[in-house]
PDB file of N, CA and C in Angstrom:
ATOM      1  N   MET A   1      99.229  86.518  98.953  1.00  0.00           N
ATOM      2  CA  MET A   1      99.241  85.180  98.452  1.00  0.00           C
ATOM      3  C   MET A   1      97.909  84.478  98.708  1.00  0.00           C
ATOM      4  N   ALA A   2      97.112  85.060  99.572  1.00  0.00           N
ATOM      5  CA  ALA A   2      95.775  84.509  99.788  1.00  0.00           C
ATOM      6  C   ALA A   2      94.956  84.579  98.506  1.00  0.00           C
ATOM      7  N   ALA A   3      95.218  85.580  97.677  1.00  0.00           N
ATOM      8  CA  ALA A   3      94.497  85.708  96.409  1.00  0.00           C
ATOM      9  C   ALA A   3      94.775  84.516  95.505  1.00  0.00           C
ATOM     10  N   GLN A   4      95.994  84.015  95.546  1.00  0.00           N
ATOM     11  CA  GLN A   4      96.330  82.845  94.738  1.00  0.00           C
ATOM     12  C   GLN A   4      95.538  81.629  95.226  1.00  0.00           C
ATOM     13  N   GLN A   5      95.421  81.496  96.540  1.00  0.00           N
ATOM     14  CA  GLN A   5      94.664  80.373  97.094  1.00  0.00           C
ATOM     15  C   GLN A   5      93.183  80.464  96.736  1.00  0.00           C
ATOM     16  N   ARG A   6      92.711  81.647  96.480  1.00  0.00           N
ATOM     17  CA  ARG A   6      91.299  81.845  96.111  1.00  0.00           C
ATOM     18  C   ARG A   6      91.067  81.706  94.613  1.00  0.00           C
ATOM     19  N   GLY A   7      92.095  81.342  93.879  1.00  0.00           N
ATOM     20  CA  GLY A   7      91.912  81.051  92.472  1.00  0.00           C
ATOM     21  C   GLY A   7      92.247  82.168  91.503  1.00  0.00           C
ATOM     22  N   PHE A   8      92.819  83.251  91.967  1.00  0.00           N
ATOM     23  CA  PHE A   8      93.212  84.318  91.049  1.00  0.00           C
ATOM     24  C   PHE A   8      94.366  83.844  90.172  1.00  0.00           C
ATOM     25  N   ASP A   9      94.410  84.361  88.962  1.00  0.00           N
ATOM     26  CA  ASP A   9      95.464  84.001  88.014  1.00  0.00           C
ATOM     27  C   ASP A   9      96.831  84.432  88.561  1.00  0.00           C
ATOM     28  N   PRO A  10      97.762  83.488  88.713  1.00  0.00           N
ATOM     29  CA  PRO A  10      99.073  83.840  89.268  1.00  0.00           C
ATOM     30  C   PRO A  10      99.831  84.863  88.426  1.00  0.00           C
ATOM     31  N   TRP A  11      99.655  84.834  87.108  1.00  0.00           N
ATOM     32  CA  TRP A  11     100.338  85.810  86.260  1.00  0.00           C
ATOM     33  C   TRP A  11      99.802  87.218  86.504  1.00  0.00           C
ATOM     34  N   LEU A  12      98.500  87.313  86.714  1.00  0.00           N
ATOM     35  CA  LEU A  12      97.907  88.614  87.019  1.00  0.00           C
ATOM     36  C   LEU A  12      98.379  89.101  88.387  1.00  0.00           C
ATOM     37  N   LEU A  13      98.454  88.188  89.346  1.00  0.00           N
ATOM     38  CA  LEU A  13      98.965  88.554  90.673  1.00  0.00           C
ATOM     39  C   LEU A  13     100.398  89.065  90.579  1.00  0.00           C
ATOM     40  N   LEU A  14     101.208  88.368  89.795  1.00  0.00           N
ATOM     41  CA  LEU A  14     102.600  88.773  89.619  1.00  0.00           C
ATOM     42  C   LEU A  14     102.680  90.163  88.991  1.00  0.00           C
ATOM     43  N   LEU A  15     101.862  90.403  87.990  1.00  0.00           N
ATOM     44  CA  LEU A  15     101.859  91.696  87.311  1.00  0.00           C
ATOM     45  C   LEU A  15     101.416  92.826  88.249  1.00  0.00           C
ATOM     46  N   VAL A  16     100.340  92.609  88.975  1.00  0.00           N
ATOM     47  CA  VAL A  16      99.807  93.654  89.859  1.00  0.00           C
ATOM     48  C   VAL A  16     100.774  93.934  91.009  1.00  0.00           C
ATOM     49  N   ALA A  17     101.273  92.883  91.648  1.00  0.00           N
ATOM     50  CA  ALA A  17     102.186  93.070  92.781  1.00  0.00           C
ATOM     51  C   ALA A  17     103.471  93.766  92.341  1.00  0.00           C
ATOM     52  N   THR A  18     104.008  93.332  91.225  1.00  0.00           N
ATOM     53  CA  THR A  18     105.250  93.938  90.724  1.00  0.00           C
ATOM     54  C   THR A  18     105.028  95.389  90.335  1.00  0.00           C
ATOM     55  N   SER A  19     103.940  95.654  89.622  1.00  0.00           N
ATOM     56  CA  SER A  19     103.663  97.033  89.175  1.00  0.00           C
ATOM     57  C   SER A  19     103.508  97.982  90.356  1.00  0.00           C
ATOM     58  N   GLY A  20     102.752  97.581  91.352  1.00  0.00           N
ATOM     59  CA  GLY A  20     102.550  98.431  92.521  1.00  0.00           C
ATOM     60  C   GLY A  20     103.839  98.694  93.271  1.00  0.00           C
ATOM     61  N   ASN A  21     104.641  97.660  93.406  1.00  0.00           N
ATOM     62  CA  ASN A  21     105.898  97.795  94.133  1.00  0.00           C
ATOM     63  C   ASN A  21     106.887  98.652  93.357  1.00  0.00           C
ATOM     64  N   VAL A  22     106.943  98.485  92.043  1.00  0.00           N
ATOM     65  CA  VAL A  22     107.835  99.304  91.215  1.00  0.00           C
ATOM     66  C   VAL A  22     107.388 100.767  91.255  1.00  0.00           C
ATOM     67  N   LEU A  23     106.094 100.995  91.248  1.00  0.00           N
ATOM     68  CA  LEU A  23     105.593 102.371  91.325  1.00  0.00           C
ATOM     69  C   LEU A  23     106.068 103.055  92.613  1.00  0.00           C
ATOM     70  N   GLY A  24     106.038 102.336  93.714  1.00  0.00           N
ATOM     71  CA  GLY A  24     106.565 102.884  94.970  1.00  0.00           C
ATOM     72  C   GLY A  24     108.039 103.221  94.853  1.00  0.00           C
ATOM     73  N   SER A  25     108.793 102.388  94.172  1.00  0.00           N
ATOM     74  CA  SER A  25     110.217 102.653  93.978  1.00  0.00           C
ATOM     75  C   SER A  25     110.451 103.869  93.093  1.00  0.00           C
ATOM     76  N   VAL A  26     109.582 104.077  92.126  1.00  0.00           N
ATOM     77  CA  VAL A  26     109.686 105.251  91.262  1.00  0.00           C
ATOM     78  C   VAL A  26     109.470 106.522  92.081  1.00  0.00           C
ATOM     79  N   VAL A  27     108.551 106.468  93.034  1.00  0.00           N
ATOM     80  CA  VAL A  27     108.338 107.627  93.918  1.00  0.00           C
ATOM     81  C   VAL A  27     109.605 107.908  94.719  1.00  0.00           C
ATOM     82  N   ASN A  28     110.226 106.867  95.271  1.00  0.00           N
ATOM     83  CA  ASN A  28     111.483 107.054  96.008  1.00  0.00           C
ATOM     84  C   ASN A  28     112.566 107.635  95.115  1.00  0.00           C
ATOM     85  N   TYR A  29     112.668 107.121  93.902  1.00  0.00           N
ATOM     86  CA  TYR A  29     113.654 107.597  92.934  1.00  0.00           C
ATOM     87  C   TYR A  29     113.436 109.090  92.664  1.00  0.00           C
ATOM     88  N   ALA A  30     112.189 109.467  92.419  1.00  0.00           N
ATOM     89  CA  ALA A  30     111.877 110.871  92.138  1.00  0.00           C
ATOM     90  C   ALA A  30     112.215 111.762  93.327  1.00  0.00           C
ATOM     91  N   MET A  31     111.928 111.270  94.535  1.00  0.00           N
ATOM     92  CA  MET A  31     112.277 112.063  95.725  1.00  0.00           C
ATOM     93  C   MET A  31     113.780 112.241  95.819  1.00  0.00           C
ATOM     94  N   GLY A  32     114.543 111.190  95.572  1.00  0.00           N
ATOM     95  CA  GLY A  32     115.995 111.296  95.608  1.00  0.00           C
ATOM     96  C   GLY A  32     116.536 112.214  94.532  1.00  0.00           C
ATOM     97  N   ARG A  33     115.889 112.202  93.408  1.00  0.00           N
ATOM     98  CA  ARG A  33     116.376 113.004  92.278  1.00  0.00           C
ATOM     99  C   ARG A  33     116.009 114.483  92.394  1.00  0.00           C
ATOM    100  N   TYR A  34     114.813 114.770  92.890  1.00  0.00           N
ATOM    101  CA  TYR A  34     114.308 116.142  92.813  1.00  0.00           C
ATOM    102  C   TYR A  34     114.165 116.874  94.149  1.00  0.00           C
ATOM    103  N   LEU A  35     114.191 116.165  95.255  1.00  0.00           N
ATOM    104  CA  LEU A  35     113.953 116.837  96.532  1.00  0.00           C
ATOM    105  C   LEU A  35     115.222 117.189  97.300  1.00  0.00           C
ATOM    106  N   LEU A  36     116.383 116.846  96.786  1.00  0.00           N
ATOM    107  CA  LEU A  36     117.621 117.164  97.503  1.00  0.00           C
ATOM    108  C   LEU A  36     117.824 118.663  97.673  1.00  0.00           C
ATOM    109  N   ARG A  37     117.225 119.452  96.824  1.00  0.00           N
ATOM    110  CA  ARG A  37     117.386 120.908  96.956  1.00  0.00           C
ATOM    111  C   ARG A  37     116.786 121.425  98.262  1.00  0.00           C
ATOM    112  N   PHE A  38     115.958 120.604  98.909  1.00  0.00           N
ATOM    113  CA  PHE A  38     115.353 120.982 100.188  1.00  0.00           C
ATOM    114  C   PHE A  38     116.102 120.388 101.378  1.00  0.00           C
ATOM    115  N   GLN A  39     117.290 119.869 101.126  1.00  0.00           N
ATOM    116  CA  GLN A  39     118.051 119.150 102.143  1.00  0.00           C
ATOM    117  C   GLN A  39     118.268 119.947 103.429  1.00  0.00           C
ATOM    118  N   GLY A  40     118.441 121.229 103.357  1.00  0.00           N
ATOM    119  CA  GLY A  40     118.698 122.022 104.549  1.00  0.00           C
ATOM    120  C   GLY A  40     117.466 122.333 105.388  1.00  0.00           C
ATOM    121  N   ARG A  41     116.308 121.996 104.891  1.00  0.00           N
ATOM    122  CA  ARG A  41     115.057 122.305 105.601  1.00  0.00           C
ATOM    123  C   ARG A  41     114.851 121.389 106.796  1.00  0.00           C
ATOM    124  N   ARG A  42     114.204 121.891 107.787  1.00  0.00           N
ATOM    125  CA  ARG A  42     113.978 121.154 109.033  1.00  0.00           C
ATOM    126  C   ARG A  42     113.159 119.884 108.804  1.00  0.00           C
ATOM    127  N   TRP A  43     112.236 119.914 107.880  1.00  0.00           N
ATOM    128  CA  TRP A  43     111.350 118.776 107.648  1.00  0.00           C
ATOM    129  C   TRP A  43     111.958 117.687 106.777  1.00  0.00           C
ATOM    130  N   PHE A  44     113.131 117.973 106.163  1.00  0.00           N
ATOM    131  CA  PHE A  44     113.745 116.992 105.264  1.00  0.00           C
ATOM    132  C   PHE A  44     114.079 115.733 106.066  1.00  0.00           C
ATOM    133  N   PRO A  45     113.682 114.551 105.561  1.00  0.00           N
ATOM    134  CA  PRO A  45     113.730 113.345 106.397  1.00  0.00           C
ATOM    135  C   PRO A  45     115.101 112.704 106.593  1.00  0.00           C
ATOM    136  N   PHE A  46     116.149 113.160 105.905  1.00  0.00           N
ATOM    137  CA  PHE A  46     117.444 112.501 106.003  1.00  0.00           C
ATOM    138  C   PHE A  46     118.513 113.480 106.456  1.00  0.00           C
ATOM    139  N   GLU A  47     119.425 112.984 107.268  1.00  0.00           N
ATOM    140  CA  GLU A  47     120.579 113.769 107.697  1.00  0.00           C
ATOM    141  C   GLU A  47     121.646 113.716 106.607  1.00  0.00           C
ATOM    142  N   ALA A  48     122.481 114.751 106.541  1.00  0.00           N
ATOM    143  CA  ALA A  48     123.515 114.829 105.504  1.00  0.00           C
ATOM    144  C   ALA A  48     124.481 113.655 105.587  1.00  0.00           C
ATOM    145  N   ASP A  49     124.862 113.249 106.797  1.00  0.00           N
ATOM    146  CA  ASP A  49     125.815 112.140 106.910  1.00  0.00           C
ATOM    147  C   ASP A  49     125.194 110.822 106.429  1.00  0.00           C
ATOM    148  N   GLY A  50     123.913 110.630 106.652  1.00  0.00           N
ATOM    149  CA  GLY A  50     123.232 109.432 106.156  1.00  0.00           C
ATOM    150  C   GLY A  50     123.188 109.400 104.637  1.00  0.00           C
ATOM    151  N   LEU A  51     122.945 110.561 104.033  1.00  0.00           N
ATOM    152  CA  LEU A  51     122.935 110.647 102.573  1.00  0.00           C
ATOM    153  C   LEU A  51     124.331 110.363 102.005  1.00  0.00           C
ATOM    154  N   GLN A  52     125.358 110.861 102.676  1.00  0.00           N
ATOM    155  CA  GLN A  52     126.722 110.617 102.209  1.00  0.00           C
ATOM    156  C   GLN A  52     127.090 109.147 102.329  1.00  0.00           C
ATOM    157  N   ARG A  53     126.659 108.499 103.407  1.00  0.00           N
ATOM    158  CA  ARG A  53     126.910 107.055 103.555  1.00  0.00           C
ATOM    159  C   ARG A  53     126.225 106.268 102.441  1.00  0.00           C
ATOM    160  N   GLY A  54     124.978 106.630 102.164  1.00  0.00           N
ATOM    161  CA  GLY A  54     124.246 105.960 101.096  1.00  0.00           C
ATOM    162  C   GLY A  54     124.910 106.146  99.747  1.00  0.00           C
ATOM    163  N   GLU A  55     125.386 107.342  99.507  1.00  0.00           N
ATOM    164  CA  GLU A  55     126.060 107.637  98.242  1.00  0.00           C
ATOM    165  C   GLU A  55     127.348 106.824  98.108  1.00  0.00           C
ATOM    166  N   ARG A  56     128.129 106.770  99.179  1.00  0.00           N
ATOM    167  CA  ARG A  56     129.364 105.974  99.138  1.00  0.00           C
ATOM    168  C   ARG A  56     129.059 104.499  98.917  1.00  0.00           C
ATOM    169  N   TRP A  57     128.023 103.996  99.589  1.00  0.00           N
ATOM    170  CA  TRP A  57     127.649 102.587  99.444  1.00  0.00           C
ATOM    171  C   TRP A  57     127.237 102.306  98.008  1.00  0.00           C
ATOM    172  N   PHE A  58     126.448 103.197  97.435  1.00  0.00           N
ATOM    173  CA  PHE A  58     125.976 103.004  96.063  1.00  0.00           C
ATOM    174  C   PHE A  58     127.136 103.072  95.077  1.00  0.00           C
ATOM    175  N   GLN A  59     128.070 103.968  95.318  1.00  0.00           N
ATOM    176  CA  GLN A  59     129.238 104.049  94.439  1.00  0.00           C
ATOM    177  C   GLN A  59     130.073 102.773  94.536  1.00  0.00           C
ATOM    178  N   ARG A  60     130.129 102.194  95.711  1.00  0.00           N
ATOM    179  CA  ARG A  60     130.917 100.974  95.910  1.00  0.00           C
ATOM    180  C   ARG A  60     130.289  99.773  95.207  1.00  0.00           C
ATOM    181  N   TYR A  61     128.970  99.601  95.358  1.00  0.00           N
ATOM    182  CA  TYR A  61     128.312  98.405  94.827  1.00  0.00           C
ATOM    183  C   TYR A  61     127.637  98.629  93.473  1.00  0.00           C
ATOM    184  N   GLY A  62     127.408  99.867  93.124  1.00  0.00           N
ATOM    185  CA  GLY A  62     126.936 100.193  91.792  1.00  0.00           C
ATOM    186  C   GLY A  62     125.462  99.979  91.538  1.00  0.00           C
ATOM    187  N   LYS A  63     125.109 100.257  90.305  1.00  0.00           N
ATOM    188  CA  LYS A  63     123.714 100.219  89.893  1.00  0.00           C
ATOM    189  C   LYS A  63     123.115  98.822  89.984  1.00  0.00           C
ATOM    190  N   TRP A  64     123.950  97.783  89.909  1.00  0.00           N
ATOM    191  CA  TRP A  64     123.438  96.413  89.961  1.00  0.00           C
ATOM    192  C   TRP A  64     122.815  96.098  91.316  1.00  0.00           C
ATOM    193  N   SER A  65     123.144  96.891  92.319  1.00  0.00           N
ATOM    194  CA  SER A  65     122.530  96.683  93.635  1.00  0.00           C
ATOM    195  C   SER A  65     121.023  96.941  93.583  1.00  0.00           C
ATOM    196  N   LEU A  66     120.548  97.612  92.539  1.00  0.00           N
ATOM    197  CA  LEU A  66     119.104  97.856  92.405  1.00  0.00           C
ATOM    198  C   LEU A  66     118.317  96.560  92.217  1.00  0.00           C
ATOM    199  N   LEU A  67     118.989  95.488  91.863  1.00  0.00           N
ATOM    200  CA  LEU A  67     118.319  94.188  91.802  1.00  0.00           C
ATOM    201  C   LEU A  67     117.843  93.757  93.192  1.00  0.00           C
ATOM    202  N   LEU A  68     118.395  94.386  94.234  1.00  0.00           N
ATOM    203  CA  LEU A  68     117.998  94.090  95.612  1.00  0.00           C
ATOM    204  C   LEU A  68     116.997  95.097  96.161  1.00  0.00           C
ATOM    205  N   ALA A  69     116.376  95.869  95.293  1.00  0.00           N
ATOM    206  CA  ALA A  69     115.422  96.886  95.737  1.00  0.00           C
ATOM    207  C   ALA A  69     114.200  96.280  96.416  1.00  0.00           C
ATOM    208  N   TRP A  70     113.995  94.993  96.290  1.00  0.00           N
ATOM    209  CA  TRP A  70     112.875  94.300  96.925  1.00  0.00           C
ATOM    210  C   TRP A  70     113.128  94.052  98.413  1.00  0.00           C
ATOM    211  N   ALA A  71     114.376  94.133  98.821  1.00  0.00           N
ATOM    212  CA  ALA A  71     114.754  93.730 100.179  1.00  0.00           C
ATOM    213  C   ALA A  71     114.210  94.694 101.239  1.00  0.00           C
ATOM    214  N   PRO A  72     113.695  94.142 102.322  1.00  0.00           N
ATOM    215  CA  PRO A  72     113.232  94.997 103.416  1.00  0.00           C
ATOM    216  C   PRO A  72     114.383  95.852 103.963  1.00  0.00           C
ATOM    217  N   LEU A  73     114.055  97.007 104.433  1.00  0.00           N
ATOM    218  CA  LEU A  73     114.964  97.978 105.056  1.00  0.00           C
ATOM    219  C   LEU A  73     115.877  98.677 104.057  1.00  0.00           C
ATOM    220  N   VAL A  74     116.560  97.955 103.195  1.00  0.00           N
ATOM    221  CA  VAL A  74     117.521  98.600 102.297  1.00  0.00           C
ATOM    222  C   VAL A  74     116.920  98.977 100.949  1.00  0.00           C
ATOM    223  N   GLY A  75     115.823  98.350 100.553  1.00  0.00           N
ATOM    224  CA  GLY A  75     115.251  98.583  99.231  1.00  0.00           C
ATOM    225  C   GLY A  75     114.846 100.022  98.994  1.00  0.00           C
ATOM    226  N   ASP A  76     114.150 100.616  99.952  1.00  0.00           N
ATOM    227  CA  ASP A  76     113.723 102.006  99.788  1.00  0.00           C
ATOM    228  C   ASP A  76     114.918 102.951  99.738  1.00  0.00           C
ATOM    229  N   ALA A  77     115.897 102.690 100.581  1.00  0.00           N
ATOM    230  CA  ALA A  77     117.097 103.535 100.574  1.00  0.00           C
ATOM    231  C   ALA A  77     117.834 103.420  99.241  1.00  0.00           C
ATOM    232  N   LEU A  78     117.915 102.208  98.709  1.00  0.00           N
ATOM    233  CA  LEU A  78     118.578 102.010  97.414  1.00  0.00           C
ATOM    234  C   LEU A  78     117.917 102.826  96.314  1.00  0.00           C
ATOM    235  N   THR A  79     116.604 102.794  96.272  1.00  0.00           N
ATOM    236  CA  THR A  79     115.915 103.501  95.199  1.00  0.00           C
ATOM    237  C   THR A  79     116.011 105.018  95.369  1.00  0.00           C
ATOM    238  N   PHE A  80     116.026 105.486  96.608  1.00  0.00           N
ATOM    239  CA  PHE A  80     116.202 106.917  96.874  1.00  0.00           C
ATOM    240  C   PHE A  80     117.596 107.367  96.429  1.00  0.00           C
ATOM    241  N   VAL A  81     118.609 106.600  96.824  1.00  0.00           N
ATOM    242  CA  VAL A  81     119.987 106.950  96.470  1.00  0.00           C
ATOM    243  C   VAL A  81     120.190 106.857  94.960  1.00  0.00           C
ATOM    244  N   ALA A  82     119.527 105.915  94.298  1.00  0.00           N
ATOM    245  CA  ALA A  82     119.624 105.832  92.835  1.00  0.00           C
ATOM    246  C   ALA A  82     119.138 107.129  92.195  1.00  0.00           C
ATOM    247  N   GLY A  83     118.104 107.711  92.757  1.00  0.00           N
ATOM    248  CA  GLY A  83     117.641 109.009  92.270  1.00  0.00           C
ATOM    249  C   GLY A  83     118.667 110.096  92.527  1.00  0.00           C
ATOM    250  N   MET A  84     119.248 110.081  93.721  1.00  0.00           N
ATOM    251  CA  MET A  84     120.297 111.056  94.050  1.00  0.00           C
ATOM    252  C   MET A  84     121.464 110.960  93.079  1.00  0.00           C
ATOM    253  N   MET A  85     121.820 109.728  92.736  1.00  0.00           N
ATOM    254  CA  MET A  85     122.982 109.483  91.879  1.00  0.00           C
ATOM    255  C   MET A  85     122.627 109.611  90.389  1.00  0.00           C
ATOM    256  N   ARG A  86     121.362 109.908  90.128  1.00  0.00           N
ATOM    257  CA  ARG A  86     120.877 110.129  88.765  1.00  0.00           C
ATOM    258  C   ARG A  86     121.124 108.937  87.839  1.00  0.00           C
ATOM    259  N   VAL A  87     120.814 107.751  88.365  1.00  0.00           N
ATOM    260  CA  VAL A  87     120.854 106.564  87.523  1.00  0.00           C
ATOM    261  C   VAL A  87     119.853 106.776  86.393  1.00  0.00           C
ATOM    262  N   HIS A  88     120.202 106.365  85.197  1.00  0.00           N
ATOM    263  CA  HIS A  88     119.320 106.554  84.045  1.00  0.00           C
ATOM    264  C   HIS A  88     117.966 105.893  84.344  1.00  0.00           C
ATOM    265  N   PRO A  89     116.861 106.608  84.122  1.00  0.00           N
ATOM    266  CA  PRO A  89     115.537 106.080  84.476  1.00  0.00           C
ATOM    267  C   PRO A  89     115.196 104.736  83.839  1.00  0.00           C
ATOM    268  N   THR A  90     115.603 104.524  82.598  1.00  0.00           N
ATOM    269  CA  THR A  90     115.299 103.251  81.938  1.00  0.00           C
ATOM    270  C   THR A  90     116.031 102.100  82.612  1.00  0.00           C
ATOM    271  N   LEU A  91     117.304 102.304  82.927  1.00  0.00           N
ATOM    272  CA  LEU A  91     118.083 101.276  83.621  1.00  0.00           C
ATOM    273  C   LEU A  91     117.506 101.037  85.009  1.00  0.00           C
ATOM    274  N   PHE A  92     117.143 102.113  85.690  1.00  0.00           N
ATOM    275  CA  PHE A  92     116.523 101.998  87.012  1.00  0.00           C
ATOM    276  C   PHE A  92     115.274 101.116  86.945  1.00  0.00           C
ATOM    277  N   LEU A  93     114.368 101.438  86.022  1.00  0.00           N
ATOM    278  CA  LEU A  93     113.127 100.663  85.890  1.00  0.00           C
ATOM    279  C   LEU A  93     113.397  99.203  85.550  1.00  0.00           C
ATOM    280  N   LEU A  94     114.336  98.967  84.667  1.00  0.00           N
ATOM    281  CA  LEU A  94     114.652  97.601  84.268  1.00  0.00           C
ATOM    282  C   LEU A  94     115.161  96.778  85.459  1.00  0.00           C
ATOM    283  N   LEU A  95     116.160  97.297  86.168  1.00  0.00           N
ATOM    284  CA  LEU A  95     116.754  96.547  87.276  1.00  0.00           C
ATOM    285  C   LEU A  95     115.781  96.356  88.431  1.00  0.00           C
ATOM    286  N   VAL A  96     115.061  97.406  88.783  1.00  0.00           N
ATOM    287  CA  VAL A  96     114.102  97.309  89.889  1.00  0.00           C
ATOM    288  C   VAL A  96     112.975  96.339  89.525  1.00  0.00           C
ATOM    289  N   THR A  97     112.498  96.405  88.307  1.00  0.00           N
ATOM    290  CA  THR A  97     111.420  95.506  87.886  1.00  0.00           C
ATOM    291  C   THR A  97     111.882  94.054  87.891  1.00  0.00           C
ATOM    292  N   ILE A  98     113.081  93.791  87.409  1.00  0.00           N
ATOM    293  CA  ILE A  98     113.606  92.424  87.424  1.00  0.00           C
ATOM    294  C   ILE A  98     113.692  91.903  88.859  1.00  0.00           C
ATOM    295  N   GLY A  99     114.248  92.721  89.758  1.00  0.00           N
ATOM    296  CA  GLY A  99     114.393  92.296  91.146  1.00  0.00           C
ATOM    297  C   GLY A  99     113.065  92.040  91.826  1.00  0.00           C
ATOM    298  N   LYS A 100     112.135  92.960  91.668  1.00  0.00           N
ATOM    299  CA  LYS A 100     110.848  92.826  92.339  1.00  0.00           C
ATOM    300  C   LYS A 100     109.994  91.712  91.729  1.00  0.00           C
ATOM    301  N   ALA A 101     110.008  91.576  90.408  1.00  0.00           N
ATOM    302  CA  ALA A 101     109.254  90.495  89.767  1.00  0.00           C
ATOM    303  C   ALA A 101     109.818  89.135  90.176  1.00  0.00           C
ATOM    304  N   SER A 102     111.128  89.054  90.284  1.00  0.00           N
ATOM    305  CA  SER A 102     111.755  87.795  90.709  1.00  0.00           C
ATOM    306  C   SER A 102     111.311  87.419  92.116  1.00  0.00           C
ATOM    307  N   ARG A 103     111.255  88.386  92.986  1.00  0.00           N
ATOM    308  CA  ARG A 103     110.812  88.133  94.353  1.00  0.00           C
ATOM    309  C   ARG A 103     109.396  87.557  94.359  1.00  0.00           C
ATOM    310  N   TYR A 104     108.479  88.213  93.645  1.00  0.00           N
ATOM    311  CA  TYR A 104     107.095  87.742  93.649  1.00  0.00           C
ATOM    312  C   TYR A 104     106.946  86.410  92.921  1.00  0.00           C
ATOM    313  N   ALA A 105     107.752  86.168  91.905  1.00  0.00           N
ATOM    314  CA  ALA A 105     107.704  84.873  91.218  1.00  0.00           C
ATOM    315  C   ALA A 105     108.125  83.755  92.169  1.00  0.00           C
ATOM    316  N   VAL A 106     109.165  84.007  92.955  1.00  0.00           N
ATOM    317  CA  VAL A 106     109.609  83.009  93.938  1.00  0.00           C
ATOM    318  C   VAL A 106     108.520  82.777  94.981  1.00  0.00           C
ATOM    319  N   LEU A 107     107.925  83.848  95.483  1.00  0.00           N
ATOM    320  CA  LEU A 107     106.854  83.694  96.474  1.00  0.00           C
ATOM    321  C   LEU A 107     105.655  82.930  95.911  1.00  0.00           C
ATOM    322  N   LEU A 108     105.266  83.242  94.684  1.00  0.00           N
ATOM    323  CA  LEU A 108     104.163  82.516  94.058  1.00  0.00           C
ATOM    324  C   LEU A 108     104.516  81.043  93.873  1.00  0.00           C
ATOM    325  N   GLY A 109     105.759  80.772  93.489  1.00  0.00           N
ATOM    326  CA  GLY A 109     106.206  79.388  93.336  1.00  0.00           C
ATOM    327  C   GLY A 109     106.161  78.630  94.642  1.00  0.00           C
ATOM    328  N   ILE A 110     106.621  79.270  95.706  1.00  0.00           N
ATOM    329  CA  ILE A 110     106.589  78.634  97.029  1.00  0.00           C
ATOM    330  C   ILE A 110     105.152  78.359  97.450  1.00  0.00           C
ATOM    331  N   MET A 111     104.280  79.325  97.248  1.00  0.00           N
ATOM    332  CA  MET A 111     102.868  79.136  97.619  1.00  0.00           C
ATOM    333  C   MET A 111     102.243  77.999  96.811  1.00  0.00           C
ATOM    334  N   THR A 112     102.597  77.891  95.552  1.00  0.00           N
ATOM    335  CA  THR A 112     102.061  76.821  94.706  1.00  0.00           C
ATOM    336  C   THR A 112     102.550  75.458  95.204  1.00  0.00           C
ATOM    337  N   ILE A 113     103.825  75.386  95.558  1.00  0.00           N
ATOM    338  CA  ILE A 113     104.377  74.129  96.068  1.00  0.00           C
ATOM    339  C   ILE A 113     103.736  73.749  97.396  1.00  0.00           C
ATOM    340  N   LEU A 114     103.593  74.728  98.276  1.00  0.00           N
ATOM    341  CA  LEU A 114     103.066  74.434  99.608  1.00  0.00           C
ATOM    342  C   LEU A 114     101.561  74.150  99.613  1.00  0.00           C
ATOM    343  N   PHE A 115     100.826  74.936  98.850  1.00  0.00           N
ATOM    344  CA  PHE A 115      99.370  74.863  98.937  1.00  0.00           C
ATOM    345  C   PHE A 115      98.696  74.375  97.667  1.00  0.00           C
ATOM    346  N   GLY A 116      99.458  74.281  96.569  1.00  0.00           N
ATOM    347  CA  GLY A 116      98.872  73.854  95.308  1.00  0.00           C
ATOM    348  C   GLY A 116      97.859  74.849  94.786  1.00  0.00           C
ATOM    349  N   THR A 117      97.258  74.521  93.687  1.00  0.00           N
ATOM    350  CA  THR A 117      96.201  75.350  93.130  1.00  0.00           C
ATOM    351  C   THR A 117      94.974  74.484  92.944  1.00  0.00           C
ATOM    352  N   GLU A 118      93.825  75.090  93.007  1.00  0.00           N
ATOM    353  CA  GLU A 118      92.578  74.334  92.875  1.00  0.00           C
ATOM    354  C   GLU A 118      92.053  74.394  91.478  1.00  0.00           C
TER     355      GLU A 118
END
């Protein structure tokens, strides 16, 4: 948000921040979708019971929970599990982008209210 205070275009900031964050979520999605075949390997980062809990949680709350992919701690897990559950890539991108763009729009709005623009 310091970039906004320095006069950068808020729309460009929103676009760059959202794009970078969505790209990270796409990496998580791809790992969930394609790396499960390595689940039994020692280096695999998740335990089977943790994956099952995530799957049950995702089945309970559904694909709409991807609107919360911006949230600390749970966002990365949500996007990984979405890959595991094979959520359609277009729907995944749409929901994650809406959630993350909304977060940055709110932050930019708060910064504008608090600090104004020059």
